[in-house]
Amino acid sequence: MTKSYHVQINQAKNQSDLNSAINLSKQRGYNLIELMVASSISIIILLAASSTFLTTYQLKEQVKTRINYEQDVRNTANLLRSDARQLGNFSCLNPPTASNLNSIFNGSFTEANNKQFLSTRFVGNIGVTPTGGSQPLIMTYINGTYANSLVATDCNNNIPDLANHVDAAVYIVGTTASDAVSGLYRINYSGGRWSAPQLLVSNVSNVQYSFDYDGHIDVGAKANCPQSLPQNNTPTEAVINFKSNRLDFTYDKPPVLIRTTLTVNSAQAGSNVNYVINAMVRQGEVCINNQVK
């Protein structure tokens, strides 16, 4: 009886060990469903990481492009402001008439009453094919080298040899023979010769100008200029300047402010961006203490 009992215990133990071995053998490795789930999760993670990387890279390129354009616009602003400061400056000599300037820059100064020494019309061949809808801008002033050679006895005389002693800067949007992408170019006229077009900002589709004129009346001693500050230091109210989207030749002086609006449409930027440059004109001020509003 006792022997039989031990045999049953041994059989039960052997059966339990066999089941444990079978269970252990079933738990080794991954089955097909688990492998597919793991693969799907890995693919989703990789796609998310790739999408994040591409988005970050595109944003980085857009920011880089925007920074490059802003740097070009800053350089352009420096040139525009430098030319605007010189606009209409002919030292102590008699300034040229519109007819004089038109003889040099044919077709640009056709209005006889243009006494502002600048124009938004230019028809000469200077290496840039203009883009339709954009305004060119030409500013004229005395040649710097010639001005430095003047002496007192030269003053109040007409400028001799105008073609060589009057300089100009032309700003124009267009394309060139070597670059089919529209951009803003500056072409300098000095010593009777045109320089090669200088690309200032690429991918410029349009440029427009507006002008602010000094509203004071220039009648010599009767000029309606603000008086100097009183002793109580109360600010003097300046006459509001007149704004125009085109040159107004009823004024005998150049505009006191030239506002340039550039439209840049780079593919990397993703949309059109407008940049505005304000350039003051010294010769446009009737009163030395006038303030632009």
C-alpha atoms as a PDB file:
ATOM      1  CA  MET A   1       0.000   0.000   0.000  1.00  0.00           C
ATOM      2  CA  THR A   2       2.769   2.363   0.881  1.00  0.00           C
ATOM      3  CA  LYS A   3       4.692   1.534  -2.289  1.00  0.00           C
ATOM      4  CA  SER A   4       1.717   2.304  -4.480  1.00  0.00           C
ATOM      5  CA  TYR A   5       1.299   5.690  -2.876  1.00  0.00           C
ATOM      6  CA  HIS A   6       4.908   6.660  -3.618  1.00  0.00           C
ATOM      7  CA  VAL A   7       4.480   5.627  -7.228  1.00  0.00           C
ATOM      8  CA  GLN A   8       1.469   7.906  -7.610  1.00  0.00           C
ATOM      9  CA  ILE A   9       3.395  10.796  -6.093  1.00  0.00           C
ATOM     10  CA  ASN A  10       6.298  10.259  -8.475  1.00  0.00           C
ATOM     11  CA  GLN A  11       3.939  10.091 -11.448  1.00  0.00           C
ATOM     12  CA  ALA A  12       2.273  13.351 -10.406  1.00  0.00           C
ATOM     13  CA  LYS A  13       5.651  15.009  -9.973  1.00  0.00           C
ATOM     14  CA  ASN A  14       6.842  13.835 -13.355  1.00  0.00           C
ATOM     15  CA  GLN A  15       3.639  15.111 -15.000  1.00  0.00           C
ATOM     16  CA  SER A  16       4.105  18.523 -13.310  1.00  0.00           C
ATOM     17  CA  ASP A  17       7.716  18.780 -14.490  1.00  0.00           C
ATOM     18  CA  LEU A  18       6.618  17.890 -18.024  1.00  0.00           C
ATOM     19  CA  ASN A  19       3.948  20.628 -18.050  1.00  0.00           C
ATOM     20  CA  SER A  20       6.466  23.165 -16.743  1.00  0.00           C
ATOM     21  CA  ALA A  21       8.893  22.232 -19.490  1.00  0.00           C
ATOM     22  CA  ILE A  22       6.175  22.593 -22.108  1.00  0.00           C
ATOM     23  CA  ASN A  23       5.150  25.995 -20.721  1.00  0.00           C
ATOM     24  CA  LEU A  24       8.757  27.199 -20.701  1.00  0.00           C
ATOM     25  CA  SER A  25       9.258  26.073 -24.260  1.00  0.00           C
ATOM     26  CA  LYS A  26       6.165  28.055 -25.380  1.00  0.00           C
ATOM     27  CA  GLN A  27       7.409  31.365 -23.848  1.00  0.00           C
ATOM     28  CA  ARG A  28      10.683  31.557 -25.795  1.00  0.00           C
ATOM     29  CA  GLY A  29      11.033  34.458 -28.486  1.00  0.00           C
ATOM     30  CA  TYR A  30       8.257  36.628 -30.099  1.00  0.00           C
ATOM     31  CA  ASN A  31       5.336  35.468 -32.054  1.00  0.00           C
ATOM     32  CA  LEU A  32       4.345  37.002 -35.419  1.00  0.00           C
ATOM     33  CA  ILE A  33       1.750  39.405 -34.003  1.00  0.00           C
ATOM     34  CA  GLU A  34       4.174  40.831 -31.452  1.00  0.00           C
ATOM     35  CA  LEU A  35       6.792  41.300 -34.173  1.00  0.00           C
ATOM     36  CA  MET A  36       4.310  43.154 -36.411  1.00  0.00           C
ATOM     37  CA  VAL A  37       3.237  45.429 -33.552  1.00  0.00           C
ATOM     38  CA  ALA A  38       6.848  46.233 -32.667  1.00  0.00           C
ATOM     39  CA  SER A  39       7.661  46.943 -36.318  1.00  0.00           C
ATOM     40  CA  SER A  40       4.638  49.233 -36.669  1.00  0.00           C
ATOM     41  CA  ILE A  41       5.605  51.201 -33.577  1.00  0.00           C
ATOM     42  CA  SER A  42       9.185  51.549 -34.856  1.00  0.00           C
ATOM     43  CA  ILE A  43       7.968  52.815 -38.225  1.00  0.00           C
ATOM     44  CA  ILE A  44       5.662  55.356 -36.559  1.00  0.00           C
ATOM     45  CA  ILE A  45       8.511  56.633 -34.389  1.00  0.00           C
ATOM     46  CA  LEU A  46      10.842  56.914 -37.397  1.00  0.00           C
ATOM     47  CA  LEU A  47       8.215  58.771 -39.437  1.00  0.00           C
ATOM     48  CA  ALA A  48       7.548  61.171 -36.567  1.00  0.00           C
ATOM     49  CA  ALA A  49      11.263  61.804 -36.090  1.00  0.00           C
ATOM     50  CA  SER A  50      11.771  62.333 -39.835  1.00  0.00           C
ATOM     51  CA  SER A  51       8.808  64.707 -40.049  1.00  0.00           C
ATOM     52  CA  THR A  52      10.092  66.706 -37.086  1.00  0.00           C
ATOM     53  CA  PHE A  53      13.566  66.899 -38.616  1.00  0.00           C
ATOM     54  CA  LEU A  54      12.240  68.047 -42.006  1.00  0.00           C
ATOM     55  CA  THR A  55       9.985  70.657 -40.407  1.00  0.00           C
ATOM     56  CA  THR A  56      12.832  71.966 -38.264  1.00  0.00           C
ATOM     57  CA  TYR A  57      15.163  72.056 -41.271  1.00  0.00           C
ATOM     58  CA  GLN A  58      12.629  73.959 -43.390  1.00  0.00           C
ATOM     59  CA  LEU A  59      12.053  76.483 -40.615  1.00  0.00           C
ATOM     60  CA  LYS A  60      15.793  76.906 -40.225  1.00  0.00           C
ATOM     61  CA  GLU A  61      16.198  77.533 -43.966  1.00  0.00           C
ATOM     62  CA  GLN A  62      13.335  80.032 -43.970  1.00  0.00           C
ATOM     63  CA  VAL A  63      14.847  81.927 -41.045  1.00  0.00           C
ATOM     64  CA  LYS A  64      18.265  81.860 -42.714  1.00  0.00           C
ATOM     65  CA  THR A  65      16.775  83.167 -45.962  1.00  0.00           C
ATOM     66  CA  ARG A  66      14.889  85.906 -44.130  1.00  0.00           C
ATOM     67  CA  ILE A  67      18.057  86.980 -42.311  1.00  0.00           C
ATOM     68  CA  ASN A  68      19.980  87.134 -45.604  1.00  0.00           C
ATOM     69  CA  TYR A  69      17.285  89.282 -47.198  1.00  0.00           C
ATOM     70  CA  GLU A  70      17.143  91.590 -44.203  1.00  0.00           C
ATOM     71  CA  GLN A  71      20.905  92.065 -44.415  1.00  0.00           C
ATOM     72  CA  ASP A  72      20.605  92.916 -48.135  1.00  0.00           C
ATOM     73  CA  VAL A  73      17.801  95.366 -47.366  1.00  0.00           C
ATOM     74  CA  ARG A  74      19.924  97.051 -44.674  1.00  0.00           C
ATOM     75  CA  ASN A  75      22.775  97.484 -47.158  1.00  0.00           C
ATOM     76  CA  THR A  76      20.316  98.862 -49.710  1.00  0.00           C
ATOM     77  CA  ALA A  77      18.958 101.294 -47.121  1.00  0.00           C
ATOM     78  CA  ASN A  78      22.469 102.623 -46.490  1.00  0.00           C
ATOM     79  CA  LEU A  79      22.983 103.262 -50.212  1.00  0.00           C
ATOM     80  CA  LEU A  80      19.576 104.872 -50.668  1.00  0.00           C
ATOM     81  CA  ARG A  81      20.083 107.170 -47.697  1.00  0.00           C
ATOM     82  CA  SER A  82      23.535 108.146 -48.904  1.00  0.00           C
ATOM     83  CA  ASP A  83      22.194 109.038 -52.363  1.00  0.00           C
ATOM     84  CA  ALA A  84      19.221 110.864 -50.826  1.00  0.00           C
ATOM     85  CA  ARG A  85      21.546 113.012 -48.705  1.00  0.00           C
ATOM     86  CA  GLN A  86      23.413 114.043 -51.851  1.00  0.00           C
ATOM     87  CA  LEU A  87      20.291 114.551 -53.970  1.00  0.00           C
ATOM     88  CA  GLY A  88      20.142 118.094 -55.330  1.00  0.00           C
ATOM     89  CA  ASN A  89      23.530 119.044 -53.885  1.00  0.00           C
ATOM     90  CA  PHE A  90      25.451 121.041 -56.486  1.00  0.00           C
ATOM     91  CA  SER A  91      27.773 122.816 -54.079  1.00  0.00           C
ATOM     92  CA  CYS A  92      27.913 126.587 -54.597  1.00  0.00           C
ATOM     93  CA  LEU A  93      27.239 126.345 -58.346  1.00  0.00           C
ATOM     94  CA  ASN A  94      23.974 127.089 -60.087  1.00  0.00           C
ATOM     95  CA  PRO A  95      21.912 123.895 -60.190  1.00  0.00           C
ATOM     96  CA  PRO A  96      21.118 122.429 -63.616  1.00  0.00           C
ATOM     97  CA  THR A  97      17.680 122.858 -65.133  1.00  0.00           C
ATOM     98  CA  ALA A  98      15.386 120.006 -66.098  1.00  0.00           C
ATOM     99  CA  SER A  99      16.402 120.576 -69.704  1.00  0.00           C
ATOM    100  CA  ASN A 100      20.089 120.304 -68.753  1.00  0.00           C
ATOM    101  CA  LEU A 101      19.503 117.014 -66.960  1.00  0.00           C
ATOM    102  CA  ASN A 102      17.329 115.682 -69.764  1.00  0.00           C
ATOM    103  CA  SER A 103      20.176 116.254 -72.206  1.00  0.00           C
ATOM    104  CA  ILE A 104      22.239 113.797 -70.140  1.00  0.00           C
ATOM    105  CA  PHE A 105      19.512 111.370 -69.097  1.00  0.00           C
ATOM    106  CA  ASN A 106      17.329 111.447 -72.176  1.00  0.00           C
ATOM    107  CA  GLY A 107      13.629 110.974 -71.401  1.00  0.00           C
ATOM    108  CA  SER A 108      13.979 111.215 -67.618  1.00  0.00           C
ATOM    109  CA  PHE A 109      13.487 114.954 -67.068  1.00  0.00           C
ATOM    110  CA  THR A 110      10.912 115.893 -69.676  1.00  0.00           C
ATOM    111  CA  GLU A 111       8.826 118.071 -67.318  1.00  0.00           C
ATOM    112  CA  ALA A 112      10.082 121.638 -67.635  1.00  0.00           C
ATOM    113  CA  ASN A 113       8.907 122.473 -64.107  1.00  0.00           C
ATOM    114  CA  ASN A 114      10.863 119.629 -62.513  1.00  0.00           C
ATOM    115  CA  LYS A 115      13.170 121.438 -60.090  1.00  0.00           C
ATOM    116  CA  GLN A 116      13.670 118.463 -57.780  1.00  0.00           C
ATOM    117  CA  PHE A 117      16.662 116.808 -59.528  1.00  0.00           C
ATOM    118  CA  LEU A 118      15.086 113.361 -59.390  1.00  0.00           C
ATOM    119  CA  SER A 119      12.677 111.411 -61.542  1.00  0.00           C
ATOM    120  CA  THR A 120      10.667 108.189 -61.577  1.00  0.00           C
ATOM    121  CA  ARG A 121      11.112 107.815 -65.318  1.00  0.00           C
ATOM    122  CA  PHE A 122      14.072 106.252 -67.068  1.00  0.00           C
ATOM    123  CA  VAL A 123      14.277 104.881 -70.609  1.00  0.00           C
ATOM    124  CA  GLY A 124      18.026 104.437 -71.156  1.00  0.00           C
ATOM    125  CA  ASN A 125      19.748 101.129 -71.867  1.00  0.00           C
ATOM    126  CA  ILE A 126      21.872 100.485 -68.785  1.00  0.00           C
ATOM    127  CA  GLY A 127      21.981  96.685 -68.807  1.00  0.00           C
ATOM    128  CA  VAL A 128      18.746  96.009 -66.896  1.00  0.00           C
ATOM    129  CA  THR A 129      15.429  95.033 -68.479  1.00  0.00           C
ATOM    130  CA  PRO A 130      12.771  96.691 -66.279  1.00  0.00           C
ATOM    131  CA  THR A 131       9.990  94.653 -64.690  1.00  0.00           C
ATOM    132  CA  GLY A 132       6.521  95.901 -65.564  1.00  0.00           C
ATOM    133  CA  GLY A 133       4.668  97.776 -62.842  1.00  0.00           C
ATOM    134  CA  SER A 134       7.772  98.898 -60.951  1.00  0.00           C
ATOM    135  CA  GLN A 135       9.001 102.468 -60.733  1.00  0.00           C
ATOM    136  CA  PRO A 136      12.608 103.377 -61.479  1.00  0.00           C
ATOM    137  CA  LEU A 137      14.203 106.164 -59.462  1.00  0.00           C
ATOM    138  CA  ILE A 138      17.019 108.436 -60.619  1.00  0.00           C
ATOM    139  CA  MET A 139      18.721 110.914 -58.274  1.00  0.00           C
ATOM    140  CA  THR A 140      21.247 113.495 -59.451  1.00  0.00           C
ATOM    141  CA  TYR A 141      23.958 115.500 -57.672  1.00  0.00           C
ATOM    142  CA  ILE A 142      27.366 117.026 -58.311  1.00  0.00           C
ATOM    143  CA  ASN A 143      30.417 114.885 -58.952  1.00  0.00           C
ATOM    144  CA  GLY A 144      32.342 114.592 -55.685  1.00  0.00           C
ATOM    145  CA  THR A 145      35.813 114.864 -57.210  1.00  0.00           C
ATOM    146  CA  TYR A 146      34.861 117.977 -59.146  1.00  0.00           C
ATOM    147  CA  ALA A 147      33.182 119.539 -56.091  1.00  0.00           C
ATOM    148  CA  ASN A 148      36.379 119.144 -54.059  1.00  0.00           C
ATOM    149  CA  SER A 149      38.318 121.109 -56.683  1.00  0.00           C
ATOM    150  CA  LEU A 150      36.052 124.169 -56.603  1.00  0.00           C
ATOM    151  CA  VAL A 151      37.331 127.522 -55.340  1.00  0.00           C
ATOM    152  CA  ALA A 152      35.456 130.635 -54.259  1.00  0.00           C
ATOM    153  CA  THR A 153      35.624 132.250 -57.697  1.00  0.00           C
ATOM    154  CA  ASP A 154      33.746 129.277 -59.197  1.00  0.00           C
ATOM    155  CA  CYS A 155      30.649 129.871 -57.096  1.00  0.00           C
ATOM    156  CA  ASN A 156      27.374 131.159 -58.565  1.00  0.00           C
ATOM    157  CA  ASN A 157      28.365 130.017 -62.037  1.00  0.00           C
ATOM    158  CA  ASN A 158      26.788 127.352 -64.205  1.00  0.00           C
ATOM    159  CA  ILE A 159      28.270 123.872 -64.037  1.00  0.00           C
ATOM    160  CA  PRO A 160      30.610 123.396 -67.003  1.00  0.00           C
ATOM    161  CA  ASP A 161      30.671 120.111 -68.910  1.00  0.00           C
ATOM    162  CA  LEU A 162      27.506 118.801 -67.266  1.00  0.00           C
ATOM    163  CA  ALA A 163      27.843 115.255 -68.620  1.00  0.00           C
ATOM    164  CA  ASN A 164      31.098 114.777 -66.688  1.00  0.00           C
ATOM    165  CA  HIS A 165      30.402 116.894 -63.617  1.00  0.00           C
ATOM    166  CA  VAL A 166      26.907 115.645 -62.720  1.00  0.00           C
ATOM    167  CA  ASP A 167      26.543 112.196 -61.151  1.00  0.00           C
ATOM    168  CA  ALA A 168      23.444 110.063 -60.767  1.00  0.00           C
ATOM    169  CA  ALA A 169      22.207 106.858 -59.187  1.00  0.00           C
ATOM    170  CA  VAL A 170      19.434 104.782 -60.744  1.00  0.00           C
ATOM    171  CA  TYR A 171      17.442 102.216 -58.773  1.00  0.00           C
ATOM    172  CA  ILE A 172      15.481  99.820 -60.940  1.00  0.00           C
ATOM    173  CA  VAL A 173      13.812  96.396 -60.646  1.00  0.00           C
ATOM    174  CA  GLY A 174      14.426  94.030 -63.521  1.00  0.00           C
ATOM    175  CA  THR A 175      16.541  91.268 -65.010  1.00  0.00           C
ATOM    176  CA  THR A 176      19.935  91.178 -66.693  1.00  0.00           C
ATOM    177  CA  ALA A 177      21.504  89.056 -69.408  1.00  0.00           C
ATOM    178  CA  SER A 178      23.254  86.940 -66.771  1.00  0.00           C
ATOM    179  CA  ASP A 179      20.392  86.680 -64.248  1.00  0.00           C
ATOM    180  CA  ALA A 180      16.806  85.916 -65.256  1.00  0.00           C
ATOM    181  CA  VAL A 181      15.568  86.341 -61.679  1.00  0.00           C
ATOM    182  CA  SER A 182      14.083  89.769 -61.054  1.00  0.00           C
ATOM    183  CA  GLY A 183      15.968  91.871 -58.520  1.00  0.00           C
ATOM    184  CA  LEU A 184      16.633  95.431 -57.376  1.00  0.00           C
ATOM    185  CA  TYR A 185      19.677  96.924 -59.097  1.00  0.00           C
ATOM    186  CA  ARG A 186      21.633 100.122 -58.624  1.00  0.00           C
ATOM    187  CA  ILE A 187      23.487 101.654 -61.562  1.00  0.00           C
ATOM    188  CA  ASN A 188      25.853 104.534 -60.949  1.00  0.00           C
ATOM    189  CA  TYR A 189      26.577 107.333 -63.427  1.00  0.00           C
ATOM    190  CA  SER A 190      29.849 109.162 -62.848  1.00  0.00           C
ATOM    191  CA  GLY A 191      32.347 110.914 -65.074  1.00  0.00           C
ATOM    192  CA  GLY A 192      30.129 110.468 -68.114  1.00  0.00           C
ATOM    193  CA  ARG A 193      29.956 106.670 -67.802  1.00  0.00           C
ATOM    194  CA  TRP A 194      27.481 104.126 -66.507  1.00  0.00           C
ATOM    195  CA  SER A 195      28.705 101.424 -64.163  1.00  0.00           C
ATOM    196  CA  ALA A 196      27.725  97.772 -64.426  1.00  0.00           C
ATOM    197  CA  PRO A 197      24.416  96.937 -62.694  1.00  0.00           C
ATOM    198  CA  GLN A 198      24.913  96.166 -59.006  1.00  0.00           C
ATOM    199  CA  LEU A 199      22.452  93.623 -57.583  1.00  0.00           C
ATOM    200  CA  LEU A 200      21.202  94.862 -54.216  1.00  0.00           C
ATOM    201  CA  VAL A 201      18.320  92.496 -53.386  1.00  0.00           C
ATOM    202  CA  SER A 202      17.337  89.403 -55.372  1.00  0.00           C
ATOM    203  CA  ASN A 203      13.800  88.099 -55.961  1.00  0.00           C
ATOM    204  CA  VAL A 204      12.307  91.590 -55.850  1.00  0.00           C
ATOM    205  CA  SER A 205       9.101  91.638 -57.882  1.00  0.00           C
ATOM    206  CA  ASN A 206       8.112  95.246 -57.312  1.00  0.00           C
ATOM    207  CA  VAL A 207       9.313  98.570 -55.914  1.00  0.00           C
ATOM    208  CA  GLN A 208       7.163 101.624 -55.276  1.00  0.00           C
ATOM    209  CA  TYR A 209       8.038 105.073 -53.983  1.00  0.00           C
ATOM    210  CA  SER A 210       6.130 107.700 -52.056  1.00  0.00           C
ATOM    211  CA  PHE A 211       7.278 111.214 -51.234  1.00  0.00           C
ATOM    212  CA  ASP A 212       6.794 113.619 -48.327  1.00  0.00           C
ATOM    213  CA  TYR A 213       7.175 117.330 -49.087  1.00  0.00           C
ATOM    214  CA  ASP A 214       8.016 120.097 -46.668  1.00  0.00           C
ATOM    215  CA  GLY A 215       4.799 122.042 -46.148  1.00  0.00           C
ATOM    216  CA  HIS A 216       6.489 125.334 -45.286  1.00  0.00           C
ATOM    217  CA  ILE A 217       6.323 128.200 -47.760  1.00  0.00           C
ATOM    218  CA  ASP A 218       9.737 129.232 -49.042  1.00  0.00           C
ATOM    219  CA  VAL A 219       9.437 132.996 -49.538  1.00  0.00           C
ATOM    220  CA  GLY A 220      12.674 134.202 -48.042  1.00  0.00           C
ATOM    221  CA  ALA A 221      12.209 136.394 -44.990  1.00  0.00           C
ATOM    222  CA  LYS A 222       8.471 135.677 -45.000  1.00  0.00           C
ATOM    223  CA  ALA A 223       8.865 131.916 -44.822  1.00  0.00           C
ATOM    224  CA  ASN A 224       6.343 130.406 -42.407  1.00  0.00           C
ATOM    225  CA  CYS A 225       8.990 128.455 -40.517  1.00  0.00           C
ATOM    226  CA  PRO A 226       8.502 127.566 -36.840  1.00  0.00           C
ATOM    227  CA  GLN A 227      10.308 129.900 -34.477  1.00  0.00           C
ATOM    228  CA  SER A 228      13.083 128.663 -32.244  1.00  0.00           C
ATOM    229  CA  LEU A 229      12.075 127.057 -28.969  1.00  0.00           C
ATOM    230  CA  PRO A 230      10.867 129.576 -26.369  1.00  0.00           C
ATOM    231  CA  GLN A 231      12.499 129.893 -23.014  1.00  0.00           C
ATOM    232  CA  ASN A 232       9.979 127.563 -21.367  1.00  0.00           C
ATOM    233  CA  ASN A 233      11.195 124.827 -23.762  1.00  0.00           C
ATOM    234  CA  THR A 234       7.697 124.152 -25.086  1.00  0.00           C
ATOM    235  CA  PRO A 235       8.057 122.061 -28.275  1.00  0.00           C
ATOM    236  CA  THR A 236       7.314 123.928 -31.484  1.00  0.00           C
ATOM    237  CA  GLU A 237       4.620 122.334 -33.636  1.00  0.00           C
ATOM    238  CA  ALA A 238       5.907 121.673 -37.134  1.00  0.00           C
ATOM    239  CA  VAL A 239       3.858 122.115 -40.277  1.00  0.00           C
ATOM    240  CA  ILE A 240       2.546 118.743 -41.429  1.00  0.00           C
ATOM    241  CA  ASN A 241       4.331 117.524 -44.532  1.00  0.00           C
ATOM    242  CA  PHE A 242       2.376 116.616 -47.629  1.00  0.00           C
ATOM    243  CA  LYS A 243       2.520 113.001 -48.775  1.00  0.00           C
ATOM    244  CA  SER A 244       2.214 111.862 -52.373  1.00  0.00           C
ATOM    245  CA  ASN A 245       2.554 108.567 -54.252  1.00  0.00           C
ATOM    246  CA  ARG A 246       4.183 110.425 -57.120  1.00  0.00           C
ATOM    247  CA  LEU A 247       6.486 113.373 -57.585  1.00  0.00           C
ATOM    248  CA  ASP A 248       4.677 116.673 -57.175  1.00  0.00           C
ATOM    249  CA  PHE A 249       6.352 119.308 -59.323  1.00  0.00           C
ATOM    250  CA  THR A 250       4.356 122.145 -57.791  1.00  0.00           C
ATOM    251  CA  TYR A 251       7.112 122.158 -55.160  1.00  0.00           C
ATOM    252  CA  ASP A 252      10.374 123.899 -55.973  1.00  0.00           C
ATOM    253  CA  LYS A 253      12.369 121.627 -53.708  1.00  0.00           C
ATOM    254  CA  PRO A 254      12.874 117.868 -53.630  1.00  0.00           C
ATOM    255  CA  PRO A 255      10.781 115.821 -51.208  1.00  0.00           C
ATOM    256  CA  VAL A 256      12.052 115.854 -47.653  1.00  0.00           C
ATOM    257  CA  LEU A 257      11.465 112.106 -47.344  1.00  0.00           C
ATOM    258  CA  ILE A 258      11.570 109.280 -49.899  1.00  0.00           C
ATOM    259  CA  ARG A 259       9.803 106.111 -48.799  1.00  0.00           C
ATOM    260  CA  THR A 260      10.765 102.957 -50.719  1.00  0.00           C
ATOM    261  CA  THR A 261       8.651  99.787 -50.526  1.00  0.00           C
ATOM    262  CA  LEU A 262      10.280  96.574 -51.761  1.00  0.00           C
ATOM    263  CA  THR A 263       8.240  93.424 -52.428  1.00  0.00           C
ATOM    264  CA  VAL A 264      10.355  90.274 -52.083  1.00  0.00           C
ATOM    265  CA  ASN A 265       8.860  86.930 -53.109  1.00  0.00           C
ATOM    266  CA  SER A 266      11.525  84.328 -52.440  1.00  0.00           C
ATOM    267  CA  ALA A 267      10.409  80.691 -52.805  1.00  0.00           C
ATOM    268  CA  GLN A 268      12.213  79.832 -49.559  1.00  0.00           C
ATOM    269  CA  ALA A 269      10.318  82.520 -47.652  1.00  0.00           C
ATOM    270  CA  GLY A 270       7.012  80.992 -48.709  1.00  0.00           C
ATOM    271  CA  SER A 271       5.193  84.328 -49.189  1.00  0.00           C
ATOM    272  CA  ASN A 272       5.656  87.924 -50.285  1.00  0.00           C
ATOM    273  CA  VAL A 273       7.394  90.184 -47.791  1.00  0.00           C
ATOM    274  CA  ASN A 274       7.352  93.983 -47.979  1.00  0.00           C
ATOM    275  CA  TYR A 275      10.307  96.002 -46.716  1.00  0.00           C
ATOM    276  CA  VAL A 276      10.039  99.774 -46.230  1.00  0.00           C
ATOM    277  CA  ILE A 277      13.060 102.100 -46.351  1.00  0.00           C
ATOM    278  CA  ASN A 278      12.811 105.761 -45.332  1.00  0.00           C
ATOM    279  CA  ALA A 279      15.476 108.125 -46.664  1.00  0.00           C
ATOM    280  CA  MET A 280      15.738 111.781 -45.644  1.00  0.00           C
ATOM    281  CA  VAL A 281      16.659 114.437 -48.230  1.00  0.00           C
ATOM    282  CA  ARG A 282      18.636 117.400 -46.909  1.00  0.00           C
ATOM    283  CA  GLN A 283      17.871 119.625 -49.891  1.00  0.00           C
ATOM    284  CA  GLY A 284      14.151 119.066 -49.378  1.00  0.00           C
ATOM    285  CA  GLU A 285      13.946 120.995 -46.105  1.00  0.00           C
ATOM    286  CA  VAL A 286      12.671 124.547 -46.322  1.00  0.00           C
ATOM    287  CA  CYS A 287      13.287 125.185 -42.619  1.00  0.00           C
ATOM    288  CA  ILE A 288      16.300 123.767 -40.854  1.00  0.00           C
ATOM    289  CA  ASN A 289      14.261 122.861 -37.766  1.00  0.00           C
ATOM    290  CA  ASN A 290      11.398 121.213 -39.650  1.00  0.00           C
ATOM    291  CA  GLN A 291      10.244 117.875 -38.278  1.00  0.00           C
ATOM    292  CA  VAL A 292       8.841 115.042 -40.354  1.00  0.00           C
ATOM    293  CA  LYS A 293       5.521 113.668 -39.101  1.00  0.00           C
END
